[in-house]
N, C-alpha and C. Protein backbone atom coordinates (compact mmCIF):
# COMPACT_ATOMS: atom_id res chain seq x y z
N MET A 1 55.85 154.14 -31.43
CA MET A 1 54.70 154.55 -30.71
C MET A 1 53.97 153.34 -29.86
N HIS A 2 53.69 153.52 -28.58
CA HIS A 2 53.06 152.51 -27.94
C HIS A 2 51.57 152.64 -28.03
N HIS A 3 50.91 151.50 -28.11
CA HIS A 3 49.55 151.41 -28.33
C HIS A 3 49.04 150.16 -27.55
N ALA A 4 48.12 150.36 -26.62
CA ALA A 4 47.68 149.21 -25.91
C ALA A 4 46.10 149.28 -25.69
N GLU A 5 45.52 148.16 -25.76
CA GLU A 5 44.00 148.07 -25.48
C GLU A 5 43.94 147.47 -24.08
N VAL A 6 43.27 148.16 -23.21
CA VAL A 6 43.28 147.80 -21.94
C VAL A 6 41.79 147.26 -21.50
N VAL A 7 41.74 145.87 -21.42
CA VAL A 7 40.46 145.25 -21.18
C VAL A 7 40.45 144.37 -20.00
N GLY A 8 39.56 144.06 -19.33
CA GLY A 8 39.35 143.16 -18.32
C GLY A 8 39.82 141.60 -18.74
N GLU A 9 39.54 141.32 -19.94
CA GLU A 9 39.78 140.01 -20.41
C GLU A 9 41.27 139.71 -20.76
N LEU A 10 42.13 140.78 -20.61
CA LEU A 10 43.48 140.62 -20.93
C LEU A 10 44.30 139.26 -20.51
N PHE A 11 44.05 138.85 -19.29
CA PHE A 11 44.85 137.99 -18.68
C PHE A 11 44.18 136.52 -18.60
N ARG A 12 43.00 136.30 -19.32
CA ARG A 12 42.41 134.98 -19.27
C ARG A 12 43.03 133.99 -20.16
N PHE A 13 43.97 134.59 -20.96
CA PHE A 13 44.60 133.64 -21.97
C PHE A 13 46.10 133.28 -21.34
N ARG A 14 46.43 132.01 -21.18
CA ARG A 14 47.79 131.71 -20.69
C ARG A 14 48.61 131.42 -21.98
N VAL A 15 49.57 132.29 -22.24
CA VAL A 15 50.50 132.34 -23.38
C VAL A 15 51.77 131.65 -22.94
N GLY A 16 52.13 131.61 -21.80
CA GLY A 16 53.35 131.22 -21.22
C GLY A 16 53.74 131.89 -19.91
N ARG A 17 54.31 131.41 -19.03
CA ARG A 17 54.63 131.97 -17.75
C ARG A 17 55.47 133.24 -17.96
N ARG A 18 56.46 133.28 -18.70
CA ARG A 18 57.37 134.49 -18.98
C ARG A 18 56.59 135.51 -19.72
N GLU A 19 55.86 135.31 -20.59
CA GLU A 19 55.07 136.37 -21.49
C GLU A 19 54.13 136.86 -20.60
N PHE A 20 53.37 136.00 -19.83
CA PHE A 20 52.36 136.61 -18.98
C PHE A 20 52.87 137.59 -18.03
N ARG A 21 53.81 137.24 -17.35
CA ARG A 21 54.50 138.18 -16.34
C ARG A 21 54.81 139.55 -17.00
N GLN A 22 55.34 139.49 -18.16
CA GLN A 22 55.81 140.74 -19.08
C GLN A 22 54.49 141.48 -19.14
N LYS A 23 53.42 141.01 -19.76
CA LYS A 23 52.19 141.51 -20.03
C LYS A 23 51.52 142.09 -18.69
N LEU A 24 51.66 141.46 -17.57
CA LEU A 24 51.09 141.80 -16.42
C LEU A 24 51.87 143.09 -15.95
N ASP A 25 53.23 143.10 -15.99
CA ASP A 25 54.03 144.30 -15.58
C ASP A 25 53.69 145.44 -16.45
N PHE A 26 53.57 145.26 -17.73
CA PHE A 26 53.23 146.30 -18.68
C PHE A 26 51.79 146.95 -18.31
N ALA A 27 50.89 146.10 -18.08
CA ALA A 27 49.61 146.51 -17.90
C ALA A 27 49.52 147.21 -16.36
N GLN A 28 50.27 146.77 -15.47
CA GLN A 28 50.22 147.48 -14.21
C GLN A 28 50.77 148.83 -14.33
N ARG A 29 51.99 148.92 -15.14
CA ARG A 29 52.62 150.26 -15.35
C ARG A 29 51.61 151.16 -16.05
N LEU A 30 50.96 150.68 -17.18
CA LEU A 30 50.08 151.36 -17.99
C LEU A 30 48.88 151.77 -17.04
N GLU A 31 48.25 150.98 -16.18
CA GLU A 31 47.19 151.45 -15.34
C GLU A 31 47.64 152.55 -14.42
N SER A 32 48.90 152.48 -13.89
CA SER A 32 49.27 153.47 -12.95
C SER A 32 49.56 154.77 -13.78
N GLU A 33 50.06 154.71 -14.99
CA GLU A 33 49.93 156.07 -15.77
C GLU A 33 48.83 156.66 -16.05
N CYS A 34 47.66 155.61 -16.37
CA CYS A 34 46.38 156.23 -16.61
C CYS A 34 45.81 156.86 -15.59
N GLU A 35 46.04 156.44 -14.35
CA GLU A 35 45.54 157.04 -12.84
C GLU A 35 46.22 158.37 -12.92
N GLU A 36 47.53 158.47 -13.12
CA GLU A 36 48.21 159.79 -13.01
C GLU A 36 47.71 160.87 -13.94
N VAL A 37 47.36 160.46 -15.24
CA VAL A 37 46.61 161.51 -16.07
C VAL A 37 45.34 161.93 -15.50
N PHE A 38 44.57 161.09 -14.90
CA PHE A 38 43.35 161.43 -14.50
C PHE A 38 43.38 162.51 -13.19
N PHE A 39 44.42 162.18 -12.26
CA PHE A 39 44.79 163.07 -11.15
C PHE A 39 45.38 164.30 -11.43
N ASN A 40 46.23 164.38 -12.41
CA ASN A 40 47.09 165.50 -12.65
C ASN A 40 46.22 166.68 -13.35
N ARG A 41 46.81 167.88 -13.04
CA ARG A 41 46.06 169.07 -13.52
C ARG A 41 46.60 169.26 -15.01
N GLN A 42 45.84 170.03 -15.72
CA GLN A 42 46.06 170.24 -17.14
C GLN A 42 45.56 169.10 -17.94
N LEU A 43 44.29 168.87 -17.60
CA LEU A 43 43.61 167.58 -18.15
C LEU A 43 42.50 168.11 -19.19
N ASN A 44 42.73 167.75 -20.37
CA ASN A 44 41.86 168.09 -21.55
C ASN A 44 40.85 166.90 -21.89
N VAL A 45 39.60 167.04 -21.28
CA VAL A 45 38.51 165.90 -21.74
C VAL A 45 37.56 166.33 -22.47
N ARG A 46 37.28 165.42 -23.57
CA ARG A 46 36.41 165.81 -24.63
C ARG A 46 35.35 164.63 -24.87
N ASP A 47 34.28 164.94 -25.44
CA ASP A 47 33.36 163.90 -25.78
C ASP A 47 33.95 163.25 -27.18
N ASP A 48 33.78 161.96 -27.23
CA ASP A 48 34.18 161.26 -28.29
C ASP A 48 32.97 160.81 -29.15
N LYS A 49 32.25 161.62 -29.75
CA LYS A 49 30.93 161.60 -30.42
C LYS A 49 31.15 160.55 -31.62
N LYS A 50 32.36 160.49 -32.20
CA LYS A 50 32.50 159.57 -33.39
C LYS A 50 32.30 158.06 -32.84
N HIS A 51 32.82 157.74 -31.61
CA HIS A 51 32.79 156.33 -31.17
C HIS A 51 31.69 156.19 -30.05
N SER A 52 30.82 157.07 -29.87
CA SER A 52 29.78 156.86 -28.85
C SER A 52 28.41 156.32 -29.61
N LYS A 53 28.48 154.92 -29.70
CA LYS A 53 27.30 154.43 -30.42
C LYS A 53 26.43 153.72 -29.33
N ALA A 54 26.96 152.67 -28.86
CA ALA A 54 26.26 152.00 -27.75
C ALA A 54 26.37 152.72 -26.51
N GLU A 55 27.37 153.37 -26.13
CA GLU A 55 27.34 154.10 -24.88
C GLU A 55 28.22 155.45 -25.15
N LYS A 56 28.15 156.27 -24.18
CA LYS A 56 28.78 157.58 -24.37
C LYS A 56 30.32 157.36 -23.95
N ARG A 57 31.16 158.00 -25.07
CA ARG A 57 32.66 157.81 -24.82
C ARG A 57 33.15 159.19 -24.84
N TYR A 58 34.42 159.06 -24.02
CA TYR A 58 35.19 160.34 -24.02
C TYR A 58 36.67 159.97 -24.33
N TYR A 59 37.39 161.05 -24.52
CA TYR A 59 38.85 160.90 -24.60
C TYR A 59 39.38 162.06 -23.60
N VAL A 60 40.68 161.77 -23.36
CA VAL A 60 41.41 162.86 -22.49
C VAL A 60 42.81 162.81 -23.09
N LEU A 61 43.47 164.01 -23.13
CA LEU A 61 44.77 164.37 -23.35
C LEU A 61 45.31 164.83 -22.06
N GLY A 62 46.32 164.24 -21.58
CA GLY A 62 46.97 164.55 -20.36
C GLY A 62 48.36 164.10 -20.18
N ARG A 63 48.90 164.41 -19.07
CA ARG A 63 50.30 163.95 -18.73
C ARG A 63 50.61 163.16 -17.47
N THR A 64 51.39 162.11 -17.54
CA THR A 64 51.84 161.43 -16.27
C THR A 64 52.88 162.20 -15.61
N ASP A 65 53.09 161.70 -14.46
CA ASP A 65 54.04 162.18 -13.41
C ASP A 65 55.52 162.44 -14.13
N SER A 66 55.69 161.50 -14.95
CA SER A 66 57.12 161.51 -15.75
C SER A 66 57.00 162.25 -16.98
N ASN A 67 55.89 162.98 -17.08
CA ASN A 67 55.79 163.94 -18.40
C ASN A 67 55.61 163.03 -19.64
N ARG A 68 55.05 161.98 -19.53
CA ARG A 68 54.55 161.27 -20.70
C ARG A 68 53.14 161.69 -21.16
N HIS A 69 53.05 162.05 -22.45
CA HIS A 69 51.70 162.76 -22.84
C HIS A 69 50.97 161.47 -23.37
N LEU A 70 49.75 161.30 -22.86
CA LEU A 70 48.81 160.09 -23.27
C LEU A 70 47.57 160.55 -23.73
N PHE A 71 47.05 159.97 -24.73
CA PHE A 71 45.69 160.01 -25.20
C PHE A 71 45.00 158.60 -24.74
N ILE A 72 43.87 158.85 -23.95
CA ILE A 72 43.12 157.85 -23.22
C ILE A 72 41.65 157.95 -23.81
N ALA A 73 41.24 156.87 -24.21
CA ALA A 73 39.67 156.80 -24.63
C ALA A 73 39.26 156.07 -23.60
N PHE A 74 37.93 156.56 -23.04
CA PHE A 74 37.16 155.80 -21.96
C PHE A 74 35.76 156.07 -21.81
N THR A 75 35.08 155.37 -21.01
CA THR A 75 33.67 155.54 -20.75
C THR A 75 33.43 155.43 -19.21
N ILE A 76 32.20 155.75 -18.85
CA ILE A 76 32.07 155.76 -17.43
C ILE A 76 30.90 154.72 -17.25
N ARG A 77 31.16 153.67 -16.27
CA ARG A 77 30.21 152.69 -16.03
C ARG A 77 30.06 152.44 -14.49
N ASN A 78 28.91 152.63 -13.94
CA ASN A 78 28.81 152.31 -12.56
C ASN A 78 29.52 153.34 -11.81
N ASP A 79 29.58 154.57 -12.27
CA ASP A 79 30.50 155.67 -11.51
C ASP A 79 31.90 155.46 -11.66
N LEU A 80 32.44 154.47 -12.42
CA LEU A 80 33.73 154.11 -12.54
C LEU A 80 34.23 154.44 -13.88
N ILE A 81 35.60 154.89 -14.15
CA ILE A 81 36.06 155.03 -15.31
C ILE A 81 36.70 153.80 -15.89
N ARG A 82 36.18 153.39 -17.18
CA ARG A 82 36.65 152.25 -17.75
C ARG A 82 37.63 152.66 -18.94
N VAL A 83 38.92 152.47 -18.77
CA VAL A 83 39.72 152.67 -19.95
C VAL A 83 39.49 151.77 -21.20
N ILE A 84 39.31 152.25 -22.40
CA ILE A 84 39.09 151.65 -23.53
C ILE A 84 40.48 151.27 -24.20
N SER A 85 41.12 152.46 -24.46
CA SER A 85 42.54 152.27 -25.15
C SER A 85 43.25 153.43 -24.63
N VAL A 86 44.63 153.20 -24.76
CA VAL A 86 45.67 154.13 -24.26
C VAL A 86 46.98 154.15 -25.32
N ARG A 87 47.32 155.31 -25.57
CA ARG A 87 48.44 155.42 -26.50
C ARG A 87 49.20 156.87 -26.17
N ASP A 88 50.40 156.99 -26.80
CA ASP A 88 50.90 158.26 -26.70
C ASP A 88 50.25 159.20 -27.58
N MET A 89 50.26 160.64 -27.24
CA MET A 89 49.69 161.58 -28.15
C MET A 89 50.54 161.66 -29.51
N ASN A 90 49.74 161.78 -30.53
CA ASN A 90 50.44 162.09 -31.79
C ASN A 90 50.84 163.67 -31.81
N ASP A 91 51.53 164.08 -32.90
CA ASP A 91 51.87 165.49 -32.92
C ASP A 91 50.71 166.48 -33.02
N LYS A 92 49.65 166.25 -33.62
CA LYS A 92 48.60 167.00 -33.74
C LYS A 92 47.90 167.17 -32.29
N GLU A 93 47.75 165.98 -31.62
CA GLU A 93 47.09 166.02 -30.25
C GLU A 93 47.96 166.83 -29.27
N LEU A 94 49.10 166.67 -29.43
CA LEU A 94 50.20 167.61 -28.57
C LEU A 94 50.15 169.03 -28.76
N GLU A 95 49.92 169.30 -29.95
CA GLU A 95 49.57 170.80 -30.43
C GLU A 95 48.25 171.28 -29.81
N LYS A 96 47.20 170.46 -30.01
CA LYS A 96 45.97 170.83 -29.38
C LYS A 96 46.02 170.97 -27.93
N TYR A 97 46.79 170.09 -27.24
CA TYR A 97 46.88 169.91 -25.77
C TYR A 97 47.55 171.24 -25.36
N TYR A 98 48.71 171.55 -25.88
CA TYR A 98 49.46 172.76 -25.38
C TYR A 98 48.48 174.14 -25.72
N GLU A 99 47.99 174.13 -26.80
CA GLU A 99 47.26 175.27 -27.39
C GLU A 99 46.03 175.42 -26.24
N ARG A 100 45.42 174.50 -25.82
CA ARG A 100 44.25 174.74 -24.90
C ARG A 100 44.84 174.98 -23.50
N ILE A 101 45.95 174.55 -23.11
CA ILE A 101 46.65 174.89 -21.72
C ILE A 101 47.02 176.41 -21.86
N LYS A 102 47.44 176.77 -22.98
CA LYS A 102 47.84 178.24 -23.11
C LYS A 102 46.66 179.22 -23.01
N ASN A 103 45.74 178.66 -23.52
CA ASN A 103 44.47 179.63 -23.58
C ASN A 103 43.41 179.42 -22.23
N ASN A 104 43.76 178.32 -21.49
CA ASN A 104 43.06 178.21 -20.13
C ASN A 104 44.06 177.36 -19.23
N PRO A 105 44.96 177.93 -18.64
CA PRO A 105 45.93 177.44 -17.78
C PRO A 105 45.25 176.70 -16.48
N LYS A 106 44.03 176.93 -16.13
CA LYS A 106 43.44 176.42 -14.94
C LYS A 106 42.82 175.06 -15.24
N ILE A 107 42.87 174.58 -16.41
CA ILE A 107 42.24 173.27 -16.73
C ILE A 107 43.18 172.19 -16.14
């Protein structure tokens, strides 16, 4: 399972030229996939009450253009979506995602 924390500070640390490029490529692919989830239909957005302490947080269950199923935790700051974390959906989330689509195909 892939798991990545996407934060603005990610590239301030110089680990080595080769590793830096690999991380940069990975982050660019991940950013692109996150955008796809938000623009694709059949998006399941929910409040993340458990993690909404300092600011309101949400999570989304959605698919990329290549049919990768992602769980994305995010917040909204200054009218922009700020991704907090991204990972592949687990089995329980996949079940909820498809159940919701079945009950409401217009989401």
